[in-house]
Protein backbone atom coordinates (compact mmCIF):
# COMPACT_ATOMS: atom_id res chain seq x y z
CA UNK A 1 -7.82 6.20 6.04
CA UNK A 2 -6.27 2.86 5.10
CA UNK A 3 -2.68 2.04 4.13
CA UNK A 4 -0.12 -0.70 4.65
CA UNK A 5 2.28 -0.69 7.59
CA UNK A 6 5.27 0.46 5.53
CA UNK A 7 3.27 3.47 4.34
CA UNK A 8 2.24 4.23 7.92
CA UNK A 9 5.88 4.22 9.01
CA UNK A 10 6.84 6.56 6.14
CA UNK A 11 3.96 8.90 6.93
CA UNK A 12 4.89 9.12 10.61
CA UNK A 13 8.57 9.63 9.82
CA UNK A 14 7.61 12.53 7.53
CA UNK A 15 5.35 13.93 10.25
CA UNK A 16 8.21 13.75 12.73
CA UNK A 17 10.51 15.69 10.41
CA UNK A 18 7.84 18.32 9.84
CA UNK A 19 7.19 18.64 13.58
CA UNK A 20 10.91 19.02 14.25
CA UNK A 21 11.14 21.81 11.68
CA UNK A 22 8.06 23.52 13.12
CA UNK A 23 9.54 23.38 16.62
CA UNK A 24 12.81 24.82 15.36
CA UNK A 25 10.98 27.67 13.61
CA UNK A 26 8.98 28.41 16.75
CA UNK A 27 12.07 28.38 18.97
CA UNK A 28 13.85 30.74 16.58
CA UNK A 29 10.85 33.05 16.54
CA UNK A 30 10.75 33.09 20.36
CA UNK A 31 14.47 33.87 20.50
CA UNK A 32 13.97 36.68 17.99
CA UNK A 33 11.16 38.14 20.11
CA UNK A 34 13.34 37.92 23.19
CA UNK A 35 16.17 39.79 21.47
CA UNK A 36 13.73 42.54 20.53
CA UNK A 37 12.51 42.72 24.11
CA UNK A 38 9.05 41.36 23.40
CA UNK A 39 7.36 38.97 25.81
CA UNK A 40 5.78 35.82 24.48
CA UNK A 41 2.01 36.13 24.26
CA UNK A 42 0.62 33.35 26.53
CA UNK A 43 -2.45 33.09 24.28
CA UNK A 44 -0.27 32.30 21.27
CA UNK A 45 -0.87 28.61 20.56
CA UNK A 46 1.00 28.48 17.29
CA UNK A 47 2.69 25.10 17.15
CA UNK A 48 1.15 23.96 20.42
CA UNK A 49 -0.01 20.39 20.72
CA UNK A 50 -3.75 19.75 20.63
CA UNK A 51 -5.14 17.22 23.07
CA UNK A 52 -6.91 15.67 20.09
CA UNK A 53 -3.95 15.69 17.70
CA UNK A 54 -4.09 12.00 16.77
CA UNK A 55 -4.92 10.27 13.51
CA UNK A 56 -6.48 6.83 12.97
CA UNK A 57 -5.10 4.60 10.20
CA UNK A 58 -6.52 1.15 9.43
CA UNK A 59 -4.13 -1.37 7.89
CA UNK A 60 -5.37 -2.02 4.37
CA UNK A 61 -4.45 -5.73 4.48
CA UNK A 62 -5.71 -6.18 8.07
CA UNK A 63 -8.47 -3.58 8.59
CA UNK A 64 -9.30 -4.93 12.05
CA UNK A 65 -5.94 -3.51 13.18
CA UNK A 66 -5.95 0.28 13.50
CA UNK A 67 -2.91 2.49 14.16
CA UNK A 68 -3.44 5.51 16.41
CA UNK A 69 -0.65 7.95 15.63
CA UNK A 70 -0.15 10.57 18.33
CA UNK A 71 1.63 13.86 17.76
CA UNK A 72 4.10 13.41 20.62
CA UNK A 73 5.31 11.11 23.38
CA UNK A 74 3.55 13.18 26.11
CA UNK A 75 0.20 12.90 24.31
CA UNK A 76 0.71 9.14 23.81
CA UNK A 77 1.58 8.77 27.49
CA UNK A 78 -1.43 10.72 28.76
CA UNK A 79 -3.81 8.81 26.46
CA UNK A 80 -2.59 5.25 26.99
CA UNK A 81 -0.55 4.80 30.17
CA UNK A 82 -3.38 4.23 32.64
CA UNK A 83 -5.08 1.92 30.13
CA UNK A 84 -1.92 -0.17 29.68
CA UNK A 85 -1.25 -0.37 33.42
CA UNK A 86 -4.84 -1.52 33.94
CA UNK A 87 -4.35 -4.24 31.33
CA UNK A 88 -0.85 -5.54 31.96
CA UNK A 89 1.15 -3.88 34.73
CA UNK A 90 2.55 -6.19 37.43
CA UNK A 91 1.39 -3.80 40.18
CA UNK A 92 -1.72 -2.15 38.72
CA UNK A 93 -3.37 -4.80 36.50
CA UNK A 94 -7.12 -4.75 37.13
CA UNK A 95 -6.92 -1.42 38.96
CA UNK A 96 -6.86 2.19 37.75
CA UNK A 97 -4.08 4.58 38.68
CA UNK A 98 -5.57 7.59 40.45
CA UNK A 99 -3.87 10.22 38.30
CA UNK A 100 -2.88 10.37 34.64
CA UNK A 101 0.95 10.05 34.62
CA UNK A 102 2.83 13.19 33.65
CA UNK A 103 6.35 11.77 33.48
CA UNK A 104 8.16 8.67 32.28
CA UNK A 105 9.13 7.88 35.88
CA UNK A 106 5.53 7.13 36.88
CA UNK A 107 5.55 3.46 35.83
CA UNK A 108 6.85 1.11 33.13
CA UNK A 109 3.98 1.84 30.73
CA UNK A 110 4.73 5.58 30.86
CA UNK A 111 7.98 4.78 29.04
CA UNK A 112 6.43 2.59 26.33
CA UNK A 113 7.21 3.58 22.76
CA UNK A 114 4.00 1.83 21.69
CA UNK A 115 0.82 0.45 23.25
CA UNK A 116 -1.58 -2.26 22.14
CA UNK A 117 -5.12 -3.09 23.21
CA UNK A 118 -8.51 -4.11 21.87
CA UNK A 119 -11.71 -2.11 21.72
CA UNK A 120 -13.13 -4.45 24.36
CA UNK A 121 -10.14 -3.65 26.61
CA UNK A 122 -10.95 0.05 26.32
CA UNK A 123 -14.55 -0.51 27.39
CA UNK A 124 -13.40 -2.56 30.40
CA UNK A 125 -11.06 0.29 31.34
CA UNK A 126 -13.88 2.86 31.10
CA UNK A 127 -16.04 0.73 33.39
CA UNK A 128 -13.18 0.40 35.88
CA UNK A 129 -12.62 4.18 35.89
CA UNK A 130 -16.30 4.77 36.60
CA UNK A 131 -16.39 2.09 39.30
CA UNK A 132 -13.42 3.73 41.03
CA UNK A 133 -15.19 7.13 40.92
CA UNK A 134 -12.37 8.55 38.81
CA UNK A 135 -12.42 10.61 35.65
CA UNK A 136 -10.91 10.09 32.21
CA UNK A 137 -8.25 12.58 31.20
CA UNK A 138 -8.77 14.63 28.05
CA UNK A 139 -6.60 12.39 25.88
CA UNK A 140 -8.12 9.27 27.40
CA UNK A 141 -11.62 10.53 26.61
CA UNK A 142 -10.55 11.27 23.04
CA UNK A 143 -9.05 7.78 22.78
CA UNK A 144 -12.38 6.26 23.87
CA UNK A 145 -14.27 8.39 21.35
CA UNK A 146 -11.98 7.36 18.50
CA UNK A 147 -12.06 3.67 19.43
CA UNK A 148 -15.84 3.67 19.51
CA UNK A 149 -15.91 5.40 16.12
CA UNK A 150 -13.55 2.75 14.69
CA UNK A 151 -15.75 -0.05 16.07
CA UNK A 152 -18.84 1.49 14.44
CA UNK A 153 -17.04 1.84 11.10
CA UNK A 154 -15.87 -1.78 11.21
CA UNK A 155 -19.35 -3.03 12.10
CA UNK A 156 -20.78 -1.17 9.10
CA UNK A 157 -18.07 -2.31 6.68
CA UNK A 158 -18.52 -4.97 4.02
CA UNK A 159 -16.20 -7.36 5.90
CA UNK A 160 -16.46 -6.74 9.66
CA UNK A 161 -14.90 -10.08 10.58
CA UNK A 162 -15.79 -11.33 14.04
CA UNK A 163 -16.04 -7.79 15.37
CA UNK A 164 -12.69 -7.76 17.18
CA UNK A 165 -10.79 -4.52 16.73
CA UNK A 166 -7.15 -4.26 17.83
CA UNK A 167 -5.43 -0.92 18.21
CA UNK A 168 -1.77 0.06 18.11
CA UNK A 169 -0.86 3.45 19.57
CA UNK A 170 2.47 5.11 18.77
CA UNK A 171 3.98 8.59 18.71
CA UNK A 172 4.91 10.29 15.48
CA UNK A 173 7.75 12.10 17.27
CA UNK A 174 10.30 11.29 19.93
CA UNK A 175 11.62 8.12 18.31
CA UNK A 176 14.39 7.51 15.79
CA UNK A 177 13.05 6.37 12.42
CA UNK A 178 14.27 2.78 12.88
CA UNK A 179 12.88 2.58 16.42
CA UNK A 180 9.49 3.82 15.24
CA UNK A 181 9.43 1.22 12.46
CA UNK A 182 10.40 -1.66 14.76
CA UNK A 183 7.82 -0.49 17.32
CA UNK A 184 5.14 -0.61 14.64
CA UNK A 185 6.12 -4.15 13.62
CA UNK A 186 6.27 -5.39 17.22
CA UNK A 187 2.92 -3.84 18.18
CA UNK A 188 1.27 -5.04 14.98
CA UNK A 189 2.16 -8.60 15.98
CA UNK A 190 0.06 -8.01 19.09
CA UNK A 191 -2.78 -6.91 16.83
CA UNK A 192 -2.44 -10.07 14.77
CA UNK A 193 -2.59 -12.17 17.94
CA UNK A 194 -5.83 -10.47 18.98
CA UNK A 195 -7.60 -10.53 15.62
CA UNK A 196 -6.59 -13.86 14.08
CA UNK A 197 -7.78 -17.00 15.87
CA UNK A 198 -5.44 -19.28 13.91
CA UNK A 199 -2.45 -17.33 15.26
CA UNK A 200 -3.70 -17.54 18.83
CA UNK A 201 -4.20 -21.30 18.39
CA UNK A 202 -0.65 -21.69 17.08
CA UNK A 203 0.84 -19.77 20.02
CA UNK A 204 -1.33 -21.64 22.52
CA UNK A 205 -0.20 -24.99 21.15
CA UNK A 206 3.45 -23.93 21.22
CA UNK A 207 3.05 -22.69 24.81
CA UNK A 208 1.32 -25.86 25.99
CA UNK A 209 3.17 -28.53 24.03
CA UNK A 210 6.61 -27.22 23.02
CA UNK A 211 7.62 -25.19 26.07
CA UNK A 212 8.30 -26.96 29.35
CA UNK A 213 6.94 -25.85 32.72
CA UNK A 214 10.40 -24.40 33.40
CA UNK A 215 10.37 -22.58 30.08
CA UNK A 216 6.98 -21.01 30.77
CA UNK A 217 8.14 -19.98 34.25
CA UNK A 218 11.32 -18.37 32.88
CA UNK A 219 9.34 -16.45 30.30
CA UNK A 220 6.80 -15.25 32.86
CA UNK A 221 9.60 -14.15 35.21
CA UNK A 222 11.43 -12.23 32.48
CA UNK A 223 8.27 -10.36 31.51
CA UNK A 224 7.56 -9.69 35.19
CA UNK A 225 11.01 -8.09 35.42
CA UNK A 226 9.95 -5.69 32.67
CA UNK A 227 6.83 -4.77 34.63
CA UNK A 228 4.29 -7.09 33.00
CA UNK A 229 1.63 -8.99 34.97
CA UNK A 230 2.73 -12.18 33.21
CA UNK A 231 2.95 -14.33 36.33
CA UNK A 232 -0.82 -14.00 36.71
CA UNK A 233 -1.89 -13.70 33.06
CA UNK A 234 -0.87 -16.46 30.65
CA UNK A 235 -2.75 -14.85 27.77
CA UNK A 236 -0.58 -11.76 28.17
CA UNK A 237 2.53 -13.95 28.38
CA UNK A 238 1.59 -15.72 25.13
CA UNK A 239 0.80 -12.45 23.36
CA UNK A 240 4.24 -11.11 24.32
CA UNK A 241 5.84 -14.43 23.32
CA UNK A 242 4.57 -13.94 19.79
CA UNK A 243 5.62 -10.30 19.56
CA UNK A 244 9.10 -10.65 21.05
CA UNK A 245 10.15 -13.96 19.51
CA UNK A 246 8.86 -12.86 16.10
CA UNK A 247 10.77 -9.58 16.06
CA UNK A 248 13.95 -9.99 18.11
CA UNK A 249 16.67 -10.45 15.44
CA UNK A 250 18.97 -13.37 14.93
CA UNK A 251 22.49 -12.96 16.19
CA UNK A 252 21.52 -11.24 19.45
CA UNK A 253 20.68 -13.14 22.68
CA UNK A 254 17.39 -12.23 24.31
CA UNK A 255 18.97 -9.74 26.71
CA UNK A 256 21.08 -12.46 28.33
CA UNK A 257 18.20 -13.35 30.61
CA UNK A 258 19.28 -14.50 34.05
CA UNK A 259 22.03 -11.93 34.49
CA UNK A 260 24.64 -14.17 32.91
CA UNK A 261 24.08 -16.98 35.41
CA UNK A 262 24.93 -20.35 33.96
CA UNK A 263 21.97 -22.69 33.86
CA UNK A 264 22.04 -25.31 36.59
CA UNK A 265 23.57 -22.99 39.20
CA UNK A 266 21.73 -22.13 42.42
CA UNK A 267 19.75 -25.36 42.83
CA UNK A 268 16.55 -23.67 41.62
CA UNK A 269 15.79 -25.94 38.69
CA UNK A 270 17.49 -23.59 36.23
CA UNK A 271 19.23 -26.52 34.59
CA UNK A 272 15.98 -27.96 33.34
CA UNK A 273 15.24 -27.58 29.60
CA UNK A 274 13.06 -24.64 28.58
CA UNK A 275 11.54 -26.40 25.61
CA UNK A 276 11.27 -29.79 24.00
CA UNK A 277 14.64 -30.63 22.48
CA UNK A 278 16.53 -27.97 24.45
CA UNK A 279 20.17 -29.22 24.56
CA UNK A 280 20.92 -27.17 27.68
CA UNK A 281 23.97 -25.11 28.51
CA UNK A 282 24.51 -21.38 28.79
CA UNK A 283 22.21 -18.89 30.50
CA UNK A 284 18.42 -18.87 30.44
CA UNK A 285 18.71 -15.99 27.99
CA UNK A 286 20.74 -18.10 25.61
CA UNK A 287 18.21 -20.90 26.01
CA UNK A 288 15.40 -18.48 25.14
CA UNK A 289 17.32 -17.46 22.05
CA UNK A 290 17.34 -21.11 21.01
CA UNK A 291 13.63 -21.26 21.85
CA UNK A 292 13.11 -18.30 19.53
CA UNK A 293 14.87 -20.16 16.74
CA UNK A 294 12.51 -23.14 17.17
CA UNK A 295 9.50 -20.82 17.38
CA UNK A 296 10.19 -18.89 14.18
CA UNK A 297 10.59 -22.06 12.11
CA UNK A 298 6.93 -22.79 12.86
CA UNK A 299 5.62 -19.22 12.99
CA UNK A 300 6.68 -18.40 9.45
CA UNK A 301 4.06 -20.76 8.05
CA UNK A 302 1.53 -20.49 10.89
CA UNK A 303 1.07 -16.70 10.63
CA UNK A 304 -0.86 -15.65 7.51
CA UNK A 305 0.70 -13.32 4.99
CA UNK A 306 1.45 -10.49 4.68
CA UNK A 307 3.92 -10.32 7.55
CA UNK A 308 4.56 -6.82 8.96
CA UNK A 309 7.31 -4.79 7.30
CA UNK A 310 8.24 -1.15 7.92
CA UNK A 311 10.99 1.44 7.90
CA UNK A 312 13.74 2.57 5.52
CA UNK A 313 14.95 -0.37 3.50
CA UNK A 314 12.19 -2.44 5.11
CA UNK A 315 14.63 -3.31 7.89
CA UNK A 316 11.93 -3.68 10.53
CA UNK A 317 10.30 -7.03 9.87
CA UNK A 318 9.77 -10.45 11.40
CA UNK A 319 12.77 -12.63 12.22
CA UNK A 320 11.99 -15.23 9.58
CA UNK A 321 11.93 -12.47 6.96
CA UNK A 322 15.37 -11.24 8.01
CA UNK A 323 14.84 -8.69 10.80
CA UNK A 324 17.90 -6.49 11.21
CA UNK A 325 16.92 -4.23 14.10
CA UNK A 326 15.31 -4.65 17.52
CA UNK A 327 11.74 -4.83 18.70
CA UNK A 328 10.17 -2.37 21.10
């Protein structure tokens, strides 16, 4: 199916409410059985999660970006965590974790509220799994099947573009409505980076010409602290630059990067400007907030319309359109 991002957010929010009600009904039924002395039938799968309970939704205004909406956080984690660690984890990038993670404690990607990747990334992951003599998990195998189906549909469409397909995976449950909406906007910016060459060119130029060597190093280090392989992958660093600076709202510093240390302390070059025209002062986090302000002035016109919008009251949106809540 196809719909715009705001409709996707509304659909998933409705699905989450329905799932919550279904779980409540099931829990009440189990309690009622327990009171009557009846044991739960282990073959009763009513309300149980299917390994294949995921729907694919192409964005109507950007059909090369497809949302994969999973029924729950555990199903999202089992489908996408090893893929994301293979693509961007500071420890695992380029390698495949031996086992499919079963808890949020396994690695940074296991705690993601959303994942992003291209169809080509998925095929590289499959090859790496085979080369390591490992097996895909059930949800991973279903992810591969769905991605390949999406690629075939795009290739046979009237406007297949250059063939690039970007995917955004989220959970329909386990997130507050606003968090789900902001996750969709943030992850969709990744999809725009992957599918629109003019956007990649804009970010590349900003990275090369506007940011200083110190600024690029600070950004890589901050992403590394979150678990990203950004010190070794500038393309990943630029993709995250677009997503974070486009969606982190005005009025809030970028997590006070540098632990509150004043720039210029420590003799490590931290007093150097992070970007052309940087007046200096404050922490690196405050400097990155100023960098964001410079970035969005250019991004508003450089990124083709429509810009992503989602959530109640359309609060989740890009900074230049008045974002009022955080990115994911």
